[in-house]
Amino acid sequence: MTLATMQVEMLLDFVRAVQAADEPTRQAWSSAGQQAAGLLGRLFGGTKDTYRSASVSRQIIDSGLIDLINFLRKLNNMKPIEVAA
């Protein structure tokens, strides 16, 4: 659980850095950002071959980055992370 939490936090930090970067940097990081968003989607519960936990899902939701993650996922033709209301 500790390792999953650390991995999610590292990926969320990268997504935050993409969000805060200037436009040229954002463009340079776009493929890495899409990969991070893909991993976050799998960790959220998108596949059965990846460790999944309600705690990891909650960490991603609580980050406040779902819209940005979904934007990055859309750039790579991935399904959005769907958060139950």
PDB file of N, CA and C in Angstrom:
ATOM      1  N   MET A   1       0.817  -1.191   0.000  1.00  0.00           N
ATOM      2  CA  MET A   1       0.000   0.000   0.000  1.00  0.00           C
ATOM      3  C   MET A   1       0.870   1.267   0.000  1.00  0.00           C
ATOM      4  N   THR A   2       1.930   1.220   0.772  1.00  0.00           N
ATOM      5  CA  THR A   2       2.833   2.370   0.830  1.00  0.00           C
ATOM      6  C   THR A   2       3.434   2.661  -0.538  1.00  0.00           C
ATOM      7  N   LEU A   3       3.869   1.607  -1.224  1.00  0.00           N
ATOM      8  CA  LEU A   3       4.473   1.807  -2.545  1.00  0.00           C
ATOM      9  C   LEU A   3       3.451   2.335  -3.546  1.00  0.00           C
ATOM     10  N   ALA A   4       2.216   1.838  -3.480  1.00  0.00           N
ATOM     11  CA  ALA A   4       1.168   2.330  -4.381  1.00  0.00           C
ATOM     12  C   ALA A   4       0.899   3.810  -4.119  1.00  0.00           C
ATOM     13  N   THR A   5       0.837   4.187  -2.859  1.00  0.00           N
ATOM     14  CA  THR A   5       0.607   5.584  -2.489  1.00  0.00           C
ATOM     15  C   THR A   5       1.734   6.475  -2.988  1.00  0.00           C
ATOM     16  N   MET A   6       2.955   6.000  -2.835  1.00  0.00           N
ATOM     17  CA  MET A   6       4.108   6.779  -3.305  1.00  0.00           C
ATOM     18  C   MET A   6       4.101   6.905  -4.829  1.00  0.00           C
ATOM     19  N   GLN A   7       3.762   5.836  -5.529  1.00  0.00           N
ATOM     20  CA  GLN A   7       3.731   5.895  -6.995  1.00  0.00           C
ATOM     21  C   GLN A   7       2.664   6.868  -7.467  1.00  0.00           C
ATOM     22  N   VAL A   8       1.484   6.796  -6.865  1.00  0.00           N
ATOM     23  CA  VAL A   8       0.404   7.708  -7.253  1.00  0.00           C
ATOM     24  C   VAL A   8       0.810   9.150  -6.982  1.00  0.00           C
ATOM     25  N   GLU A   9       1.405   9.408  -5.836  1.00  0.00           N
ATOM     26  CA  GLU A   9       1.801  10.782  -5.512  1.00  0.00           C
ATOM     27  C   GLU A   9       2.847  11.303  -6.490  1.00  0.00           C
ATOM     28  N   MET A  10       3.787  10.452  -6.887  1.00  0.00           N
ATOM     29  CA  MET A  10       4.805  10.859  -7.858  1.00  0.00           C
ATOM     30  C   MET A  10       4.150  11.196  -9.203  1.00  0.00           C
ATOM     31  N   LEU A  11       3.212  10.362  -9.639  1.00  0.00           N
ATOM     32  CA  LEU A  11       2.525  10.629 -10.906  1.00  0.00           C
ATOM     33  C   LEU A  11       1.678  11.893 -10.818  1.00  0.00           C
ATOM     34  N   LEU A  12       1.008  12.100  -9.688  1.00  0.00           N
ATOM     35  CA  LEU A  12       0.215  13.321  -9.502  1.00  0.00           C
ATOM     36  C   LEU A  12       1.118  14.557  -9.487  1.00  0.00           C
ATOM     37  N   ASP A  13       2.290  14.440  -8.866  1.00  0.00           N
ATOM     38  CA  ASP A  13       3.238  15.564  -8.869  1.00  0.00           C
ATOM     39  C   ASP A  13       3.672  15.901 -10.285  1.00  0.00           C
ATOM     40  N   PHE A  14       3.881  14.887 -11.107  1.00  0.00           N
ATOM     41  CA  PHE A  14       4.259  15.147 -12.494  1.00  0.00           C
ATOM     42  C   PHE A  14       3.121  15.845 -13.234  1.00  0.00           C
ATOM     43  N   VAL A  15       1.883  15.391 -13.026  1.00  0.00           N
ATOM     44  CA  VAL A  15       0.733  16.036 -13.671  1.00  0.00           C
ATOM     45  C   VAL A  15       0.627  17.493 -13.207  1.00  0.00           C
ATOM     46  N   ARG A  16       0.872  17.747 -11.922  1.00  0.00           N
ATOM     47  CA  ARG A  16       0.875  19.126 -11.411  1.00  0.00           C
ATOM     48  C   ARG A  16       1.954  19.960 -12.095  1.00  0.00           C
ATOM     49  N   ALA A  17       3.126  19.367 -12.311  1.00  0.00           N
ATOM     50  CA  ALA A  17       4.223  20.081 -12.975  1.00  0.00           C
ATOM     51  C   ALA A  17       3.862  20.406 -14.415  1.00  0.00           C
ATOM     52  N   VAL A  18       3.195  19.484 -15.097  1.00  0.00           N
ATOM     53  CA  VAL A  18       2.730  19.741 -16.465  1.00  0.00           C
ATOM     54  C   VAL A  18       1.763  20.918 -16.460  1.00  0.00           C
ATOM     55  N   GLN A  19       0.848  20.914 -15.498  1.00  0.00           N
ATOM     56  CA  GLN A  19      -0.146  21.983 -15.402  1.00  0.00           C
ATOM     57  C   GLN A  19       0.510  23.342 -15.160  1.00  0.00           C
ATOM     58  N   ALA A  20       1.550  23.380 -14.351  1.00  0.00           N
ATOM     59  CA  ALA A  20       2.188  24.643 -13.978  1.00  0.00           C
ATOM     60  C   ALA A  20       3.221  25.130 -14.998  1.00  0.00           C
ATOM     61  N   ALA A  21       3.620  24.262 -15.908  1.00  0.00           N
ATOM     62  CA  ALA A  21       4.691  24.596 -16.849  1.00  0.00           C
ATOM     63  C   ALA A  21       4.230  25.599 -17.900  1.00  0.00           C
ATOM     64  N   ASP A  22       5.202  26.284 -18.483  1.00  0.00           N
ATOM     65  CA  ASP A  22       4.886  27.171 -19.598  1.00  0.00           C
ATOM     66  C   ASP A  22       4.582  26.322 -20.839  1.00  0.00           C
ATOM     67  N   GLU A  23       4.054  26.953 -21.851  1.00  0.00           N
ATOM     68  CA  GLU A  23       3.574  26.225 -23.038  1.00  0.00           C
ATOM     69  C   GLU A  23       4.645  25.385 -23.731  1.00  0.00           C
ATOM     70  N   PRO A  24       5.851  25.897 -23.986  1.00  0.00           N
ATOM     71  CA  PRO A  24       6.865  25.048 -24.646  1.00  0.00           C
ATOM     72  C   PRO A  24       7.220  23.807 -23.816  1.00  0.00           C
ATOM     73  N   THR A  25       7.306  23.990 -22.498  1.00  0.00           N
ATOM     74  CA  THR A  25       7.612  22.853 -21.628  1.00  0.00           C
ATOM     75  C   THR A  25       6.465  21.860 -21.638  1.00  0.00           C
ATOM     76  N   ARG A  26       5.235  22.375 -21.596  1.00  0.00           N
ATOM     77  CA  ARG A  26       4.057  21.508 -21.640  1.00  0.00           C
ATOM     78  C   ARG A  26       4.048  20.660 -22.901  1.00  0.00           C
ATOM     79  N   GLN A  27       4.391  21.279 -24.026  1.00  0.00           N
ATOM     80  CA  GLN A  27       4.446  20.549 -25.292  1.00  0.00           C
ATOM     81  C   GLN A  27       5.518  19.462 -25.242  1.00  0.00           C
ATOM     82  N   ALA A  28       6.675  19.790 -24.671  1.00  0.00           N
ATOM     83  CA  ALA A  28       7.769  18.818 -24.584  1.00  0.00           C
ATOM     84  C   ALA A  28       7.413  17.649 -23.675  1.00  0.00           C
ATOM     85  N   TRP A  29       6.598  17.902 -22.668  1.00  0.00           N
ATOM     86  CA  TRP A  29       6.228  16.868 -21.704  1.00  0.00           C
ATOM     87  C   TRP A  29       4.930  16.160 -22.054  1.00  0.00           C
ATOM     88  N   SER A  30       4.288  16.514 -23.159  1.00  0.00           N
ATOM     89  CA  SER A  30       2.942  16.004 -23.411  1.00  0.00           C
ATOM     90  C   SER A  30       2.878  14.483 -23.466  1.00  0.00           C
ATOM     91  N   SER A  31       3.832  13.824 -24.102  1.00  0.00           N
ATOM     92  CA  SER A  31       3.749  12.362 -24.173  1.00  0.00           C
ATOM     93  C   SER A  31       3.989  11.729 -22.802  1.00  0.00           C
ATOM     94  N   ALA A  32       4.912  12.296 -22.024  1.00  0.00           N
ATOM     95  CA  ALA A  32       5.138  11.778 -20.672  1.00  0.00           C
ATOM     96  C   ALA A  32       3.913  12.037 -19.794  1.00  0.00           C
ATOM     97  N   GLY A  33       3.273  13.178 -19.971  1.00  0.00           N
ATOM     98  CA  GLY A  33       2.044  13.470 -19.235  1.00  0.00           C
ATOM     99  C   GLY A  33       0.931  12.511 -19.584  1.00  0.00           C
ATOM    100  N   GLN A  34       0.834  12.157 -20.853  1.00  0.00           N
ATOM    101  CA  GLN A  34      -0.169  11.188 -21.279  1.00  0.00           C
ATOM    102  C   GLN A  34       0.121   9.817 -20.682  1.00  0.00           C
ATOM    103  N   GLN A  35       1.394   9.437 -20.614  1.00  0.00           N
ATOM    104  CA  GLN A  35       1.751   8.161 -19.996  1.00  0.00           C
ATOM    105  C   GLN A  35       1.413   8.166 -18.506  1.00  0.00           C
ATOM    106  N   ALA A  36       1.686   9.271 -17.834  1.00  0.00           N
ATOM    107  CA  ALA A  36       1.339   9.381 -16.414  1.00  0.00           C
ATOM    108  C   ALA A  36      -0.168   9.273 -16.230  1.00  0.00           C
ATOM    109  N   ALA A  37      -0.927   9.931 -17.096  1.00  0.00           N
ATOM    110  CA  ALA A  37      -2.391   9.863 -17.005  1.00  0.00           C
ATOM    111  C   ALA A  37      -2.886   8.440 -17.273  1.00  0.00           C
ATOM    112  N   GLY A  38      -2.219   7.735 -18.178  1.00  0.00           N
ATOM    113  CA  GLY A  38      -2.582   6.345 -18.441  1.00  0.00           C
ATOM    114  C   GLY A  38      -2.335   5.462 -17.228  1.00  0.00           C
ATOM    115  N   LEU A  39      -1.190   5.640 -16.588  1.00  0.00           N
ATOM    116  CA  LEU A  39      -0.894   4.869 -15.377  1.00  0.00           C
ATOM    117  C   LEU A  39      -1.870   5.193 -14.258  1.00  0.00           C
ATOM    118  N   LEU A  40      -2.196   6.476 -14.112  1.00  0.00           N
ATOM    119  CA  LEU A  40      -3.160   6.855 -13.072  1.00  0.00           C
ATOM    120  C   LEU A  40      -4.528   6.225 -13.329  1.00  0.00           C
ATOM    121  N   GLY A  41      -4.923   6.148 -14.586  1.00  0.00           N
ATOM    122  CA  GLY A  41      -6.192   5.502 -14.914  1.00  0.00           C
ATOM    123  C   GLY A  41      -6.191   4.026 -14.557  1.00  0.00           C
ATOM    124  N   ARG A  42      -5.079   3.356 -14.841  1.00  0.00           N
ATOM    125  CA  ARG A  42      -4.982   1.934 -14.490  1.00  0.00           C
ATOM    126  C   ARG A  42      -4.969   1.745 -12.981  1.00  0.00           C
ATOM    127  N   LEU A  43      -4.245   2.598 -12.279  1.00  0.00           N
ATOM    128  CA  LEU A  43      -4.218   2.509 -10.819  1.00  0.00           C
ATOM    129  C   LEU A  43      -5.574   2.862 -10.205  1.00  0.00           C
ATOM    130  N   PHE A  44      -6.316   3.731 -10.878  1.00  0.00           N
ATOM    131  CA  PHE A  44      -7.639   4.113 -10.394  1.00  0.00           C
ATOM    132  C   PHE A  44      -8.595   2.929 -10.429  1.00  0.00           C
ATOM    133  N   GLY A  45      -8.353   2.019 -11.343  1.00  0.00           N
ATOM    134  CA  GLY A  45      -9.223   0.849 -11.433  1.00  0.00           C
ATOM    135  C   GLY A  45      -9.627   0.510 -12.839  1.00  0.00           C
ATOM    136  N   GLY A  46      -8.872   1.019 -13.796  1.00  0.00           N
ATOM    137  CA  GLY A  46      -9.230   0.825 -15.190  1.00  0.00           C
ATOM    138  C   GLY A  46      -8.920  -0.534 -15.770  1.00  0.00           C
ATOM    139  N   THR A  47      -8.045  -1.307 -15.142  1.00  0.00           N
ATOM    140  CA  THR A  47      -7.722  -2.635 -15.656  1.00  0.00           C
ATOM    141  C   THR A  47      -7.616  -3.624 -14.498  1.00  0.00           C
ATOM    142  N   LYS A  48      -7.781  -4.887 -14.818  1.00  0.00           N
ATOM    143  CA  LYS A  48      -7.718  -5.918 -13.788  1.00  0.00           C
ATOM    144  C   LYS A  48      -6.303  -6.432 -13.563  1.00  0.00           C
ATOM    145  N   ASP A  49      -5.363  -6.053 -14.429  1.00  0.00           N
ATOM    146  CA  ASP A  49      -3.989  -6.540 -14.285  1.00  0.00           C
ATOM    147  C   ASP A  49      -3.095  -5.556 -13.526  1.00  0.00           C
ATOM    148  N   THR A  50      -3.692  -4.537 -12.925  1.00  0.00           N
ATOM    149  CA  THR A  50      -2.960  -3.538 -12.158  1.00  0.00           C
ATOM    150  C   THR A  50      -3.502  -3.529 -10.738  1.00  0.00           C
ATOM    151  N   TYR A  51      -2.632  -3.333  -9.772  1.00  0.00           N
ATOM    152  CA  TYR A  51      -3.063  -3.234  -8.377  1.00  0.00           C
ATOM    153  C   TYR A  51      -4.124  -2.149  -8.262  1.00  0.00           C
ATOM    154  N   ARG A  52      -5.224  -2.492  -7.617  1.00  0.00           N
ATOM    155  CA  ARG A  52      -6.301  -1.522  -7.421  1.00  0.00           C
ATOM    156  C   ARG A  52      -6.674  -1.479  -5.949  1.00  0.00           C
ATOM    157  N   SER A  53      -7.008  -0.308  -5.483  1.00  0.00           N
ATOM    158  CA  SER A  53      -7.393  -0.126  -4.092  1.00  0.00           C
ATOM    159  C   SER A  53      -8.290   1.095  -3.991  1.00  0.00           C
ATOM    160  N   ALA A  54      -9.274   1.014  -3.108  1.00  0.00           N
ATOM    161  CA  ALA A  54     -10.134   2.171  -2.887  1.00  0.00           C
ATOM    162  C   ALA A  54      -9.315   3.352  -2.365  1.00  0.00           C
ATOM    163  N   SER A  55      -8.261   3.067  -1.615  1.00  0.00           N
ATOM    164  CA  SER A  55      -7.405   4.120  -1.090  1.00  0.00           C
ATOM    165  C   SER A  55      -6.679   4.856  -2.217  1.00  0.00           C
ATOM    166  N   VAL A  56      -6.171   4.113  -3.189  1.00  0.00           N
ATOM    167  CA  VAL A  56      -5.494   4.726  -4.330  1.00  0.00           C
ATOM    168  C   VAL A  56      -6.487   5.553  -5.144  1.00  0.00           C
ATOM    169  N   SER A  57      -7.671   5.013  -5.365  1.00  0.00           N
ATOM    170  CA  SER A  57      -8.705   5.759  -6.100  1.00  0.00           C
ATOM    171  C   SER A  57      -9.049   7.057  -5.379  1.00  0.00           C
ATOM    172  N   ARG A  58      -9.201   6.975  -4.064  1.00  0.00           N
ATOM    173  CA  ARG A  58      -9.535   8.162  -3.267  1.00  0.00           C
ATOM    174  C   ARG A  58      -8.413   9.189  -3.344  1.00  0.00           C
ATOM    175  N   GLN A  59      -7.162   8.739  -3.327  1.00  0.00           N
ATOM    176  CA  GLN A  59      -6.010   9.645  -3.429  1.00  0.00           C
ATOM    177  C   GLN A  59      -6.055  10.407  -4.748  1.00  0.00           C
ATOM    178  N   ILE A  60      -6.397   9.718  -5.823  1.00  0.00           N
ATOM    179  CA  ILE A  60      -6.476  10.363  -7.139  1.00  0.00           C
ATOM    180  C   ILE A  60      -7.634  11.358  -7.174  1.00  0.00           C
ATOM    181  N   ILE A  61      -8.776  10.973  -6.644  1.00  0.00           N
ATOM    182  CA  ILE A  61      -9.941  11.874  -6.609  1.00  0.00           C
ATOM    183  C   ILE A  61      -9.625  13.115  -5.776  1.00  0.00           C
ATOM    184  N   ASP A  62      -9.053  12.893  -4.592  1.00  0.00           N
ATOM    185  CA  ASP A  62      -8.771  14.006  -3.684  1.00  0.00           C
ATOM    186  C   ASP A  62      -7.706  14.967  -4.205  1.00  0.00           C
ATOM    187  N   SER A  63      -6.951  14.549  -5.216  1.00  0.00           N
ATOM    188  CA  SER A  63      -5.908  15.423  -5.767  1.00  0.00           C
ATOM    189  C   SER A  63      -6.504  16.647  -6.460  1.00  0.00           C
ATOM    190  N   GLY A  64      -7.753  16.540  -6.895  1.00  0.00           N
ATOM    191  CA  GLY A  64      -8.377  17.640  -7.626  1.00  0.00           C
ATOM    192  C   GLY A  64      -7.893  17.749  -9.063  1.00  0.00           C
ATOM    193  N   LEU A  65      -7.234  16.708  -9.562  1.00  0.00           N
ATOM    194  CA  LEU A  65      -6.639  16.749 -10.903  1.00  0.00           C
ATOM    195  C   LEU A  65      -7.377  15.885 -11.923  1.00  0.00           C
ATOM    196  N   ILE A  66      -8.556  15.387 -11.580  1.00  0.00           N
ATOM    197  CA  ILE A  66      -9.268  14.474 -12.489  1.00  0.00           C
ATOM    198  C   ILE A  66      -9.483  15.106 -13.859  1.00  0.00           C
ATOM    199  N   ASP A  67      -9.888  16.368 -13.909  1.00  0.00           N
ATOM    200  CA  ASP A  67     -10.135  17.013 -15.209  1.00  0.00           C
ATOM    201  C   ASP A  67      -8.856  17.083 -16.044  1.00  0.00           C
ATOM    202  N   LEU A  68      -7.749  17.443 -15.428  1.00  0.00           N
ATOM    203  CA  LEU A  68      -6.480  17.513 -16.154  1.00  0.00           C
ATOM    204  C   LEU A  68      -6.022  16.116 -16.576  1.00  0.00           C
ATOM    205  N   ILE A  69      -6.146  15.148 -15.689  1.00  0.00           N
ATOM    206  CA  ILE A  69      -5.786  13.771 -16.032  1.00  0.00           C
ATOM    207  C   ILE A  69      -6.620  13.297 -17.216  1.00  0.00           C
ATOM    208  N   ASN A  70      -7.918  13.569 -17.179  1.00  0.00           N
ATOM    209  CA  ASN A  70      -8.791  13.150 -18.284  1.00  0.00           C
ATOM    210  C   ASN A  70      -8.459  13.879 -19.578  1.00  0.00           C
ATOM    211  N   PHE A  71      -8.053  15.143 -19.487  1.00  0.00           N
ATOM    212  CA  PHE A  71      -7.622  15.867 -20.682  1.00  0.00           C
ATOM    213  C   PHE A  71      -6.400  15.189 -21.295  1.00  0.00           C
ATOM    214  N   LEU A  72      -5.425  14.847 -20.462  1.00  0.00           N
ATOM    215  CA  LEU A  72      -4.227  14.165 -20.950  1.00  0.00           C
ATOM    216  C   LEU A  72      -4.570  12.783 -21.512  1.00  0.00           C
ATOM    217  N   ARG A  73      -5.518  12.094 -20.873  1.00  0.00           N
ATOM    218  CA  ARG A  73      -5.946  10.780 -21.371  1.00  0.00           C
ATOM    219  C   ARG A  73      -6.618  10.931 -22.739  1.00  0.00           C
ATOM    220  N   LYS A  74      -7.410  11.976 -22.891  1.00  0.00           N
ATOM    221  CA  LYS A  74      -8.109  12.207 -24.167  1.00  0.00           C
ATOM    222  C   LYS A  74      -7.115  12.429 -25.310  1.00  0.00           C
ATOM    223  N   LEU A  75      -6.009  13.101 -25.033  1.00  0.00           N
ATOM    224  CA  LEU A  75      -4.993  13.338 -26.058  1.00  0.00           C
ATOM    225  C   LEU A  75      -4.421  12.033 -26.615  1.00  0.00           C
ATOM    226  N   ASN A  76      -4.529  10.971 -25.820  1.00  0.00           N
ATOM    227  CA  ASN A  76      -4.006   9.671 -26.232  1.00  0.00           C
ATOM    228  C   ASN A  76      -5.140   8.672 -26.495  1.00  0.00           C
ATOM    229  N   ASN A  77      -6.329   9.199 -26.750  1.00  0.00           N
ATOM    230  CA  ASN A  77      -7.505   8.378 -27.073  1.00  0.00           C
ATOM    231  C   ASN A  77      -7.804   7.338 -25.999  1.00  0.00           C
ATOM    232  N   MET A  78      -7.650   7.718 -24.732  1.00  0.00           N
ATOM    233  CA  MET A  78      -7.987   6.828 -23.624  1.00  0.00           C
ATOM    234  C   MET A  78      -9.320   7.246 -23.026  1.00  0.00           C
ATOM    235  N   LYS A  79     -10.023   6.288 -22.484  1.00  0.00           N
ATOM    236  CA  LYS A  79     -11.291   6.584 -21.804  1.00  0.00           C
ATOM    237  C   LYS A  79     -11.011   7.452 -20.580  1.00  0.00           C
ATOM    238  N   PRO A  80     -11.947   8.332 -20.250  1.00  0.00           N
ATOM    239  CA  PRO A  80     -11.743   9.161 -19.051  1.00  0.00           C
ATOM    240  C   PRO A  80     -11.907   8.338 -17.780  1.00  0.00           C
ATOM    241  N   ILE A  81     -11.300   8.822 -16.720  1.00  0.00           N
ATOM    242  CA  ILE A  81     -11.546   8.266 -15.397  1.00  0.00           C
ATOM    243  C   ILE A  81     -12.938   8.736 -14.995  1.00  0.00           C
ATOM    244  N   GLU A  82     -13.786   7.809 -14.665  1.00  0.00           N
ATOM    245  CA  GLU A  82     -15.153   8.157 -14.273  1.00  0.00           C
ATOM    246  C   GLU A  82     -15.304   8.037 -12.768  1.00  0.00           C
ATOM    247  N   VAL A  83     -15.658   9.146 -12.157  1.00  0.00           N
ATOM    248  CA  VAL A  83     -15.826   9.198 -10.715  1.00  0.00           C
ATOM    249  C   VAL A  83     -17.315   9.121 -10.436  1.00  0.00           C
ATOM    250  N   ALA A  84     -17.699   8.136  -9.627  1.00  0.00           N
ATOM    251  CA  ALA A  84     -19.108   7.989  -9.257  1.00  0.00           C
ATOM    252  C   ALA A  84     -19.527   9.169  -8.384  1.00  0.00           C
ATOM    253  N   ALA A  85     -20.702   9.672  -8.654  1.00  0.00           N
ATOM    254  CA  ALA A  85     -21.185  10.834  -7.909  1.00  0.00           C
ATOM    255  C   ALA A  85     -21.651  10.482  -6.532  1.00  0.00           C
TER     256      ALA A  85
END
